[in-house]
mmCIF file of all heavy atoms, coordinates in Angstrom:
data_MODEL
# 
_entry.id   MODEL 
# 
loop_
_atom_site.group_PDB 
_atom_site.id 
_atom_site.type_symbol 
_atom_site.label_atom_id 
_atom_site.label_alt_id 
_atom_site.label_comp_id 
_atom_site.label_asym_id 
_atom_site.label_entity_id 
_atom_site.label_seq_id 
_atom_site.pdbx_PDB_ins_code 
_atom_site.Cartn_x 
_atom_site.Cartn_y 
_atom_site.Cartn_z 
_atom_site.occupancy 
_atom_site.B_iso_or_equiv 
_atom_site.pdbx_formal_charge 
_atom_site.auth_seq_id 
_atom_site.auth_comp_id 
_atom_site.auth_asym_id 
_atom_site.auth_atom_id 
_atom_site.pdbx_PDB_model_num 
ATOM 1   N N   . GLY A 1 1  ? 0.790  -1.224 0.000  1.00 0.00 ? 1  GLY A N   1 
ATOM 2   C CA  . GLY A 1 1  ? 0.000  0.000  0.000  1.00 0.00 ? 1  GLY A CA  1 
ATOM 3   C C   . GLY A 1 1  ? 0.818  1.268  0.000  1.00 0.00 ? 1  GLY A C   1 
ATOM 4   O O   . GLY A 1 1  ? 0.267  2.369  -0.114 1.00 0.00 ? 1  GLY A O   1 
ATOM 5   N N   . ILE A 1 2  ? 2.138  1.149  0.118  1.00 0.00 ? 2  ILE A N   1 
ATOM 6   C CA  . ILE A 1 2  ? 3.023  2.326  0.145  1.00 0.00 ? 2  ILE A CA  1 
ATOM 7   C C   . ILE A 1 2  ? 3.590  2.545  -1.246 1.00 0.00 ? 2  ILE A C   1 
ATOM 8   O O   . ILE A 1 2  ? 4.184  1.653  -1.846 1.00 0.00 ? 2  ILE A O   1 
ATOM 9   C CB  . ILE A 1 2  ? 4.164  2.131  1.160  1.00 0.00 ? 2  ILE A CB  1 
ATOM 10  C CG1 . ILE A 1 2  ? 3.598  1.970  2.572  1.00 0.00 ? 2  ILE A CG1 1 
ATOM 11  C CG2 . ILE A 1 2  ? 5.140  3.286  1.091  1.00 0.00 ? 2  ILE A CG2 1 
ATOM 12  C CD1 . ILE A 1 2  ? 2.798  3.167  3.046  1.00 0.00 ? 2  ILE A CD1 1 
ATOM 13  N N   . ASP A 1 3  ? 3.398  3.761  -1.751 1.00 0.00 ? 3  ASP A N   1 
ATOM 14  C CA  . ASP A 1 3  ? 3.846  4.104  -3.097 1.00 0.00 ? 3  ASP A CA  1 
ATOM 15  C C   . ASP A 1 3  ? 5.189  4.839  -3.102 1.00 0.00 ? 3  ASP A C   1 
ATOM 16  O O   . ASP A 1 3  ? 5.979  4.700  -4.028 1.00 0.00 ? 3  ASP A O   1 
ATOM 17  C CB  . ASP A 1 3  ? 2.788  4.983  -3.776 1.00 0.00 ? 3  ASP A CB  1 
ATOM 18  C CG  . ASP A 1 3  ? 3.096  5.257  -5.228 1.00 0.00 ? 3  ASP A CG  1 
ATOM 19  O OD1 . ASP A 1 3  ? 3.070  4.301  -6.022 1.00 0.00 ? 3  ASP A OD1 1 
ATOM 20  O OD2 . ASP A 1 3  ? 3.364  6.430  -5.580 1.00 0.00 ? 3  ASP A OD2 1 
ATOM 21  N N   . ARG A 1 4  ? 5.443  5.616  -2.028 1.00 0.00 ? 4  ARG A N   1 
ATOM 22  C CA  . ARG A 1 4  ? 6.655  6.430  -1.974 1.00 0.00 ? 4  ARG A CA  1 
ATOM 23  C C   . ARG A 1 4  ? 7.204  6.458  -0.562 1.00 0.00 ? 4  ARG A C   1 
ATOM 24  O O   . ARG A 1 4  ? 6.448  6.423  0.415  1.00 0.00 ? 4  ARG A O   1 
ATOM 25  C CB  . ARG A 1 4  ? 6.367  7.879  -2.406 1.00 0.00 ? 4  ARG A CB  1 
ATOM 26  C CG  . ARG A 1 4  ? 6.075  8.077  -3.874 1.00 0.00 ? 4  ARG A CG  1 
ATOM 27  C CD  . ARG A 1 4  ? 5.941  9.574  -4.166 1.00 0.00 ? 4  ARG A CD  1 
ATOM 28  N NE  . ARG A 1 4  ? 4.699  10.141 -3.626 1.00 0.00 ? 4  ARG A NE  1 
ATOM 29  C CZ  . ARG A 1 4  ? 4.522  11.444 -3.370 1.00 0.00 ? 4  ARG A CZ  1 
ATOM 30  N NH1 . ARG A 1 4  ? 5.520  12.288 -3.550 1.00 0.00 ? 4  ARG A NH1 1 
ATOM 31  N NH2 . ARG A 1 4  ? 3.364  11.872 -2.919 1.00 0.00 ? 4  ARG A NH2 1 
ATOM 32  N N   . VAL A 1 5  ? 8.533  6.560  -0.456 1.00 0.00 ? 5  VAL A N   1 
ATOM 33  C CA  . VAL A 1 5  ? 9.209  6.832  0.814  1.00 0.00 ? 5  VAL A CA  1 
ATOM 34  C C   . VAL A 1 5  ? 9.926  8.167  0.636  1.00 0.00 ? 5  VAL A C   1 
ATOM 35  O O   . VAL A 1 5  ? 10.917 8.261  -0.097 1.00 0.00 ? 5  VAL A O   1 
ATOM 36  C CB  . VAL A 1 5  ? 10.205 5.722  1.189  1.00 0.00 ? 5  VAL A CB  1 
ATOM 37  C CG1 . VAL A 1 5  ? 10.919 6.073  2.496  1.00 0.00 ? 5  VAL A CG1 1 
ATOM 38  C CG2 . VAL A 1 5  ? 9.498  4.376  1.305  1.00 0.00 ? 5  VAL A CG2 1 
ATOM 39  N N   . VAL A 1 6  ? 9.385  9.184  1.270  1.00 0.00 ? 6  VAL A N   1 
ATOM 40  C CA  . VAL A 1 6  ? 9.899  10.539 1.118  1.00 0.00 ? 6  VAL A CA  1 
ATOM 41  C C   . VAL A 1 6  ? 10.950 10.803 2.195  1.00 0.00 ? 6  VAL A C   1 
ATOM 42  O O   . VAL A 1 6  ? 10.712 10.566 3.385  1.00 0.00 ? 6  VAL A O   1 
ATOM 43  C CB  . VAL A 1 6  ? 8.754  11.567 1.223  1.00 0.00 ? 6  VAL A CB  1 
ATOM 44  C CG1 . VAL A 1 6  ? 9.308  12.984 1.232  1.00 0.00 ? 6  VAL A CG1 1 
ATOM 45  C CG2 . VAL A 1 6  ? 7.786  11.393 0.062  1.00 0.00 ? 6  VAL A CG2 1 
ATOM 46  N N   . VAL A 1 7  ? 12.119 11.297 1.800  1.00 0.00 ? 7  VAL A N   1 
ATOM 47  C CA  . VAL A 1 7  ? 13.213 11.579 2.723  1.00 0.00 ? 7  VAL A CA  1 
ATOM 48  C C   . VAL A 1 7  ? 13.226 13.070 3.049  1.00 0.00 ? 7  VAL A C   1 
ATOM 49  O O   . VAL A 1 7  ? 13.289 13.910 2.145  1.00 0.00 ? 7  VAL A O   1 
ATOM 50  C CB  . VAL A 1 7  ? 14.562 11.152 2.129  1.00 0.00 ? 7  VAL A CB  1 
ATOM 51  C CG1 . VAL A 1 7  ? 15.691 11.462 3.105  1.00 0.00 ? 7  VAL A CG1 1 
ATOM 52  C CG2 . VAL A 1 7  ? 14.543 9.667  1.780  1.00 0.00 ? 7  VAL A CG2 1 
ATOM 53  N N   . VAL A 1 8  ? 13.169 13.374 4.333  1.00 0.00 ? 8  VAL A N   1 
ATOM 54  C CA  . VAL A 1 8  ? 12.987 14.735 4.815  1.00 0.00 ? 8  VAL A CA  1 
ATOM 55  C C   . VAL A 1 8  ? 14.167 15.141 5.688  1.00 0.00 ? 8  VAL A C   1 
ATOM 56  O O   . VAL A 1 8  ? 14.717 14.317 6.425  1.00 0.00 ? 8  VAL A O   1 
ATOM 57  C CB  . VAL A 1 8  ? 11.669 14.833 5.626  1.00 0.00 ? 8  VAL A CB  1 
ATOM 58  C CG1 . VAL A 1 8  ? 11.538 16.187 6.303  1.00 0.00 ? 8  VAL A CG1 1 
ATOM 59  C CG2 . VAL A 1 8  ? 10.471 14.557 4.726  1.00 0.00 ? 8  VAL A CG2 1 
ATOM 60  N N   . ALA A 1 9  ? 14.548 16.406 5.618  1.00 0.00 ? 9  ALA A N   1 
ATOM 61  C CA  . ALA A 1 9  ? 15.534 16.984 6.530  1.00 0.00 ? 9  ALA A CA  1 
ATOM 62  C C   . ALA A 1 9  ? 14.885 18.146 7.269  1.00 0.00 ? 9  ALA A C   1 
ATOM 63  O O   . ALA A 1 9  ? 14.077 18.887 6.685  1.00 0.00 ? 9  ALA A O   1 
ATOM 64  C CB  . ALA A 1 9  ? 16.761 17.473 5.764  1.00 0.00 ? 9  ALA A CB  1 
ATOM 65  N N   . SER A 1 10 ? 15.205 18.301 8.556  1.00 0.00 ? 10 SER A N   1 
ATOM 66  C CA  . SER A 1 10 ? 14.690 19.422 9.340  1.00 0.00 ? 10 SER A CA  1 
ATOM 67  C C   . SER A 1 10 ? 15.793 19.956 10.228 1.00 0.00 ? 10 SER A C   1 
ATOM 68  O O   . SER A 1 10 ? 16.704 19.219 10.617 1.00 0.00 ? 10 SER A O   1 
ATOM 69  C CB  . SER A 1 10 ? 13.491 18.991 10.188 1.00 0.00 ? 10 SER A CB  1 
ATOM 70  O OG  . SER A 1 10 ? 13.843 17.933 11.070 1.00 0.00 ? 10 SER A OG  1 
ATOM 71  N N   . THR A 1 11 ? 15.736 21.242 10.537 1.00 0.00 ? 11 THR A N   1 
ATOM 72  C CA  . THR A 1 11 ? 16.755 21.861 11.376 1.00 0.00 ? 11 THR A CA  1 
ATOM 73  C C   . THR A 1 11 ? 16.240 22.041 12.793 1.00 0.00 ? 11 THR A C   1 
ATOM 74  O O   . THR A 1 11 ? 15.042 22.071 13.049 1.00 0.00 ? 11 THR A O   1 
ATOM 75  C CB  . THR A 1 11 ? 17.167 23.244 10.828 1.00 0.00 ? 11 THR A CB  1 
ATOM 76  O OG1 . THR A 1 11 ? 15.996 24.060 10.687 1.00 0.00 ? 11 THR A OG1 1 
ATOM 77  C CG2 . THR A 1 11 ? 17.886 23.110 9.509  1.00 0.00 ? 11 THR A CG2 1 
ATOM 78  N N   . ASP A 1 12 ? 17.185 22.178 13.722 1.00 0.00 ? 12 ASP A N   1 
ATOM 79  C CA  . ASP A 1 12 ? 16.878 22.413 15.122 1.00 0.00 ? 12 ASP A CA  1 
ATOM 80  C C   . ASP A 1 12 ? 17.668 23.634 15.561 1.00 0.00 ? 12 ASP A C   1 
ATOM 81  O O   . ASP A 1 12 ? 18.873 23.570 15.767 1.00 0.00 ? 12 ASP A O   1 
ATOM 82  C CB  . ASP A 1 12 ? 17.268 21.185 15.953 1.00 0.00 ? 12 ASP A CB  1 
ATOM 83  C CG  . ASP A 1 12 ? 16.908 21.328 17.421 1.00 0.00 ? 12 ASP A CG  1 
ATOM 84  O OD1 . ASP A 1 12 ? 16.122 22.229 17.752 1.00 0.00 ? 12 ASP A OD1 1 
ATOM 85  O OD2 . ASP A 1 12 ? 17.421 20.544 18.234 1.00 0.00 ? 12 ASP A OD2 1 
ATOM 86  N N   . GLY A 1 13 ? 16.982 24.790 15.650 1.00 0.00 ? 13 GLY A N   1 
ATOM 87  C CA  . GLY A 1 13 ? 17.646 26.002 16.112 1.00 0.00 ? 13 GLY A CA  1 
ATOM 88  C C   . GLY A 1 13 ? 18.230 26.872 15.020 1.00 0.00 ? 13 GLY A C   1 
ATOM 89  O O   . GLY A 1 13 ? 19.167 27.629 15.282 1.00 0.00 ? 13 GLY A O   1 
ATOM 90  N N   . GLY A 1 14 ? 17.699 26.809 13.830 1.00 0.00 ? 14 GLY A N   1 
ATOM 91  C CA  . GLY A 1 14 ? 18.191 27.649 12.746 1.00 0.00 ? 14 GLY A CA  1 
ATOM 92  C C   . GLY A 1 14 ? 17.529 27.283 11.434 1.00 0.00 ? 14 GLY A C   1 
ATOM 93  O O   . GLY A 1 14 ? 16.567 26.513 11.392 1.00 0.00 ? 14 GLY A O   1 
ATOM 94  N N   . THR A 1 15 ? 18.037 27.835 10.343 1.00 0.00 ? 15 THR A N   1 
ATOM 95  C CA  . THR A 1 15 ? 17.492 27.578 9.018  1.00 0.00 ? 15 THR A CA  1 
ATOM 96  C C   . THR A 1 15 ? 18.530 26.847 8.177  1.00 0.00 ? 15 THR A C   1 
ATOM 97  O O   . THR A 1 15 ? 19.719 26.801 8.519  1.00 0.00 ? 15 THR A O   1 
ATOM 98  C CB  . THR A 1 15 ? 17.108 28.889 8.310  1.00 0.00 ? 15 THR A CB  1 
ATOM 99  O OG1 . THR A 1 15 ? 18.312 29.625 8.010  1.00 0.00 ? 15 THR A OG1 1 
ATOM 100 C CG2 . THR A 1 15 ? 16.199 29.749 9.187  1.00 0.00 ? 15 THR A CG2 1 
ATOM 101 N N   . PHE A 1 16 ? 18.086 26.302 7.043  1.00 0.00 ? 16 PHE A N   1 
ATOM 102 C CA  . PHE A 1 16 ? 19.009 25.601 6.168  1.00 0.00 ? 16 PHE A CA  1 
ATOM 103 C C   . PHE A 1 16 ? 19.955 26.548 5.435  1.00 0.00 ? 16 PHE A C   1 
ATOM 104 O O   . PHE A 1 16 ? 20.962 26.107 4.882  1.00 0.00 ? 16 PHE A O   1 
ATOM 105 C CB  . PHE A 1 16 ? 18.250 24.718 5.185  1.00 0.00 ? 16 PHE A CB  1 
ATOM 106 C CG  . PHE A 1 16 ? 17.892 23.383 5.764  1.00 0.00 ? 16 PHE A CG  1 
ATOM 107 C CD1 . PHE A 1 16 ? 16.580 23.081 6.091  1.00 0.00 ? 16 PHE A CD1 1 
ATOM 108 C CD2 . PHE A 1 16 ? 18.865 22.439 6.019  1.00 0.00 ? 16 PHE A CD2 1 
ATOM 109 C CE1 . PHE A 1 16 ? 16.243 21.853 6.642  1.00 0.00 ? 16 PHE A CE1 1 
ATOM 110 C CE2 . PHE A 1 16 ? 18.546 21.208 6.575  1.00 0.00 ? 16 PHE A CE2 1 
ATOM 111 C CZ  . PHE A 1 16 ? 17.230 20.915 6.882  1.00 0.00 ? 16 PHE A CZ  1 
ATOM 112 N N   . GLY A 1 17 ? 19.635 27.831 5.458  1.00 0.00 ? 17 GLY A N   1 
ATOM 113 C CA  . GLY A 1 17 ? 20.585 28.793 4.923  1.00 0.00 ? 17 GLY A CA  1 
ATOM 114 C C   . GLY A 1 17 ? 21.854 28.863 5.754  1.00 0.00 ? 17 GLY A C   1 
ATOM 115 O O   . GLY A 1 17 ? 22.888 29.346 5.272  1.00 0.00 ? 17 GLY A O   1 
ATOM 116 N N   . GLN A 1 18 ? 21.790 28.389 7.002  1.00 0.00 ? 18 GLN A N   1 
ATOM 117 C CA  . GLN A 1 18 ? 22.947 28.352 7.899  1.00 0.00 ? 18 GLN A CA  1 
ATOM 118 C C   . GLN A 1 18 ? 23.650 26.999 7.882  1.00 0.00 ? 18 GLN A C   1 
ATOM 119 O O   . GLN A 1 18 ? 24.613 26.798 8.629  1.00 0.00 ? 18 GLN A O   1 
ATOM 120 C CB  . GLN A 1 18 ? 22.497 28.660 9.333  1.00 0.00 ? 18 GLN A CB  1 
ATOM 121 C CG  . GLN A 1 18 ? 21.794 29.994 9.512  1.00 0.00 ? 18 GLN A CG  1 
ATOM 122 C CD  . GLN A 1 18 ? 21.139 30.092 10.876 1.00 0.00 ? 18 GLN A CD  1 
ATOM 123 O OE1 . GLN A 1 18 ? 20.028 29.639 11.090 1.00 0.00 ? 18 GLN A OE1 1 
ATOM 124 N NE2 . GLN A 1 18 ? 21.854 30.697 11.812 1.00 0.00 ? 18 GLN A NE2 1 
ATOM 125 N N   . VAL A 1 19 ? 23.171 26.073 7.056  1.00 0.00 ? 19 VAL A N   1 
ATOM 126 C CA  . VAL A 1 19 ? 23.708 24.704 7.028  1.00 0.00 ? 19 VAL A CA  1 
ATOM 127 C C   . VAL A 1 19 ? 24.497 24.511 5.734  1.00 0.00 ? 19 VAL A C   1 
ATOM 128 O O   . VAL A 1 19 ? 23.912 24.329 4.663  1.00 0.00 ? 19 VAL A O   1 
ATOM 129 C CB  . VAL A 1 19 ? 22.584 23.663 7.127  1.00 0.00 ? 19 VAL A CB  1 
ATOM 130 C CG1 . VAL A 1 19 ? 23.151 22.241 7.096  1.00 0.00 ? 19 VAL A CG1 1 
ATOM 131 C CG2 . VAL A 1 19 ? 21.761 23.868 8.400  1.00 0.00 ? 19 VAL A CG2 1 
ATOM 132 N N   . PRO A 1 20 ? 25.822 24.528 5.796  1.00 0.00 ? 20 PRO A N   1 
ATOM 133 C CA  . PRO A 1 20 ? 26.604 24.374 4.558  1.00 0.00 ? 20 PRO A CA  1 
ATOM 134 C C   . PRO A 1 20 ? 26.735 22.908 4.149  1.00 0.00 ? 20 PRO A C   1 
ATOM 135 O O   . PRO A 1 20 ? 26.700 21.997 4.977  1.00 0.00 ? 20 PRO A O   1 
ATOM 136 C CB  . PRO A 1 20 ? 27.973 24.945 4.949  1.00 0.00 ? 20 PRO A CB  1 
ATOM 137 C CG  . PRO A 1 20 ? 28.069 24.696 6.429  1.00 0.00 ? 20 PRO A CG  1 
ATOM 138 C CD  . PRO A 1 20 ? 26.666 24.807 6.971  1.00 0.00 ? 20 PRO A CD  1 
ATOM 139 N N   . GLY A 1 21 ? 26.887 22.706 2.860  1.00 0.00 ? 21 GLY A N   1 
ATOM 140 C CA  . GLY A 1 21 ? 27.204 21.379 2.342  1.00 0.00 ? 21 GLY A CA  1 
ATOM 141 C C   . GLY A 1 21 ? 26.113 20.350 2.518  1.00 0.00 ? 21 GLY A C   1 
ATOM 142 O O   . GLY A 1 21 ? 26.406 19.161 2.667  1.00 0.00 ? 21 GLY A O   1 
ATOM 143 N N   . LEU A 1 22 ? 24.847 20.773 2.478  1.00 0.00 ? 22 LEU A N   1 
ATOM 144 C CA  . LEU A 1 22 ? 23.737 19.836 2.660  1.00 0.00 ? 22 LEU A CA  1 
ATOM 145 C C   . LEU A 1 22 ? 23.615 18.928 1.436  1.00 0.00 ? 22 LEU A C   1 
ATOM 146 O O   . LEU A 1 22 ? 23.555 19.390 0.296  1.00 0.00 ? 22 LEU A O   1 
ATOM 147 C CB  . LEU A 1 22 ? 22.433 20.598 2.866  1.00 0.00 ? 22 LEU A CB  1 
ATOM 148 C CG  . LEU A 1 22 ? 21.178 19.761 3.105  1.00 0.00 ? 22 LEU A CG  1 
ATOM 149 C CD1 . LEU A 1 22 ? 21.277 19.013 4.435  1.00 0.00 ? 22 LEU A CD1 1 
ATOM 150 C CD2 . LEU A 1 22 ? 19.931 20.649 3.078  1.00 0.00 ? 22 LEU A CD2 1 
ATOM 151 N N   . SER A 1 23 ? 23.586 17.615 1.688  1.00 0.00 ? 23 SER A N   1 
ATOM 152 C CA  . SER A 1 23 ? 23.478 16.660 0.578  1.00 0.00 ? 23 SER A CA  1 
ATOM 153 C C   . SER A 1 23 ? 22.753 15.411 1.044  1.00 0.00 ? 23 SER A C   1 
ATOM 154 O O   . SER A 1 23 ? 22.627 15.149 2.244  1.00 0.00 ? 23 SER A O   1 
ATOM 155 C CB  . SER A 1 23 ? 24.871 16.283 0.048  1.00 0.00 ? 23 SER A CB  1 
ATOM 156 O OG  . SER A 1 23 ? 25.584 15.532 1.013  1.00 0.00 ? 23 SER A OG  1 
ATOM 157 N N   . ILE A 1 24 ? 22.305 14.634 0.088  1.00 0.00 ? 24 ILE A N   1 
ATOM 158 C CA  . ILE A 1 24 ? 21.704 13.341 0.363  1.00 0.00 ? 24 ILE A CA  1 
ATOM 159 C C   . ILE A 1 24 ? 22.324 12.332 -0.591 1.00 0.00 ? 24 ILE A C   1 
ATOM 160 O O   . ILE A 1 24 ? 22.515 12.615 -1.776 1.00 0.00 ? 24 ILE A O   1 
ATOM 161 C CB  . ILE A 1 24 ? 20.160 13.385 0.204  1.00 0.00 ? 24 ILE A CB  1 
ATOM 162 C CG1 . ILE A 1 24 ? 19.550 12.021 0.537  1.00 0.00 ? 24 ILE A CG1 1 
ATOM 163 C CG2 . ILE A 1 24 ? 19.753 13.841 -1.172 1.00 0.00 ? 24 ILE A CG2 1 
ATOM 164 C CD1 . ILE A 1 24 ? 18.027 12.032 0.525  1.00 0.00 ? 24 ILE A CD1 1 
ATOM 165 N N   . ARG A 1 25 ? 22.691 11.163 -0.042 1.00 0.00 ? 25 ARG A N   1 
ATOM 166 C CA  . ARG A 1 25 ? 23.242 10.085 -0.853 1.00 0.00 ? 25 ARG A CA  1 
ATOM 167 C C   . ARG A 1 25 ? 22.423 8.831  -0.624 1.00 0.00 ? 25 ARG A C   1 
ATOM 168 O O   . ARG A 1 25 ? 21.991 8.538  0.492  1.00 0.00 ? 25 ARG A O   1 
ATOM 169 C CB  . ARG A 1 25 ? 24.699 9.796  -0.493 1.00 0.00 ? 25 ARG A CB  1 
ATOM 170 C CG  . ARG A 1 25 ? 25.675 10.891 -0.860 1.00 0.00 ? 25 ARG A CG  1 
ATOM 171 C CD  . ARG A 1 25 ? 27.102 10.327 -1.007 1.00 0.00 ? 25 ARG A CD  1 
ATOM 172 N NE  . ARG A 1 25 ? 27.562 9.649  0.191  1.00 0.00 ? 25 ARG A NE  1 
ATOM 173 C CZ  . ARG A 1 25 ? 28.525 8.720  0.197  1.00 0.00 ? 25 ARG A CZ  1 
ATOM 174 N NH1 . ARG A 1 25 ? 29.096 8.349  -0.941 1.00 0.00 ? 25 ARG A NH1 1 
ATOM 175 N NH2 . ARG A 1 25 ? 28.911 8.160  1.324  1.00 0.00 ? 25 ARG A NH2 1 
ATOM 176 N N   . VAL A 1 26 ? 22.242 8.066  -1.689 1.00 0.00 ? 26 VAL A N   1 
ATOM 177 C CA  . VAL A 1 26 ? 21.587 6.765  -1.617 1.00 0.00 ? 26 VAL A CA  1 
ATOM 178 C C   . VAL A 1 26 ? 22.628 5.713  -1.974 1.00 0.00 ? 26 VAL A C   1 
ATOM 179 O O   . VAL A 1 26 ? 23.218 5.759  -3.062 1.00 0.00 ? 26 VAL A O   1 
ATOM 180 C CB  . VAL A 1 26 ? 20.384 6.681  -2.578 1.00 0.00 ? 26 VAL A CB  1 
ATOM 181 C CG1 . VAL A 1 26 ? 19.716 5.316  -2.473 1.00 0.00 ? 26 VAL A CG1 1 
ATOM 182 C CG2 . VAL A 1 26 ? 19.383 7.797  -2.292 1.00 0.00 ? 26 VAL A CG2 1 
ATOM 183 N N   . LEU A 1 27 ? 22.870 4.778  -1.041 1.00 0.00 ? 27 LEU A N   1 
ATOM 184 C CA  . LEU A 1 27 ? 23.894 3.758  -1.218 1.00 0.00 ? 27 LEU A CA  1 
ATOM 185 C C   . LEU A 1 27 ? 23.274 2.373  -1.177 1.00 0.00 ? 27 LEU A C   1 
ATOM 186 O O   . LEU A 1 27 ? 22.260 2.152  -0.490 1.00 0.00 ? 27 LEU A O   1 
ATOM 187 C CB  . LEU A 1 27 ? 24.940 3.856  -0.103 1.00 0.00 ? 27 LEU A CB  1 
ATOM 188 C CG  . LEU A 1 27 ? 25.564 5.225  0.160  1.00 0.00 ? 27 LEU A CG  1 
ATOM 189 C CD1 . LEU A 1 27 ? 26.480 5.165  1.377  1.00 0.00 ? 27 LEU A CD1 1 
ATOM 190 C CD2 . LEU A 1 27 ? 26.327 5.710  -1.053 1.00 0.00 ? 27 LEU A CD2 1 
ATOM 191 N N   . ASP A 1 28 ? 23.863 1.462  -1.913 1.00 0.00 ? 28 ASP A N   1 
ATOM 192 C CA  . ASP A 1 28 ? 23.469 0.056  -1.812 1.00 0.00 ? 28 ASP A CA  1 
ATOM 193 C C   . ASP A 1 28 ? 23.837 -0.429 -0.416 1.00 0.00 ? 28 ASP A C   1 
ATOM 194 O O   . ASP A 1 28 ? 24.999 -0.377 -0.014 1.00 0.00 ? 28 ASP A O   1 
ATOM 195 C CB  . ASP A 1 28 ? 24.221 -0.753 -2.873 1.00 0.00 ? 28 ASP A CB  1 
ATOM 196 C CG  . ASP A 1 28 ? 23.779 -2.212 -2.943 1.00 0.00 ? 28 ASP A CG  1 
ATOM 197 O OD1 . ASP A 1 28 ? 23.285 -2.737 -1.921 1.00 0.00 ? 28 ASP A OD1 1 
ATOM 198 O OD2 . ASP A 1 28 ? 23.940 -2.833 -4.009 1.00 0.00 ? 28 ASP A OD2 1 
ATOM 199 N N   . ALA A 1 29 ? 22.842 -0.889 0.340  1.00 0.00 ? 29 ALA A N   1 
ATOM 200 C CA  . ALA A 1 29 ? 23.089 -1.300 1.719  1.00 0.00 ? 29 ALA A CA  1 
ATOM 201 C C   . ALA A 1 29 ? 24.011 -2.507 1.799  1.00 0.00 ? 29 ALA A C   1 
ATOM 202 O O   . ALA A 1 29 ? 24.703 -2.699 2.799  1.00 0.00 ? 29 ALA A O   1 
ATOM 203 C CB  . ALA A 1 29 ? 21.768 -1.609 2.426  1.00 0.00 ? 29 ALA A CB  1 
# 
């Protein structure tokens, strides 16, 4: 019944404009 797995990032105490080098990688487990 699940069509998508959405990957989310959230900050604690600031904005993503203050977070350098933000990236996401998908690796073969």
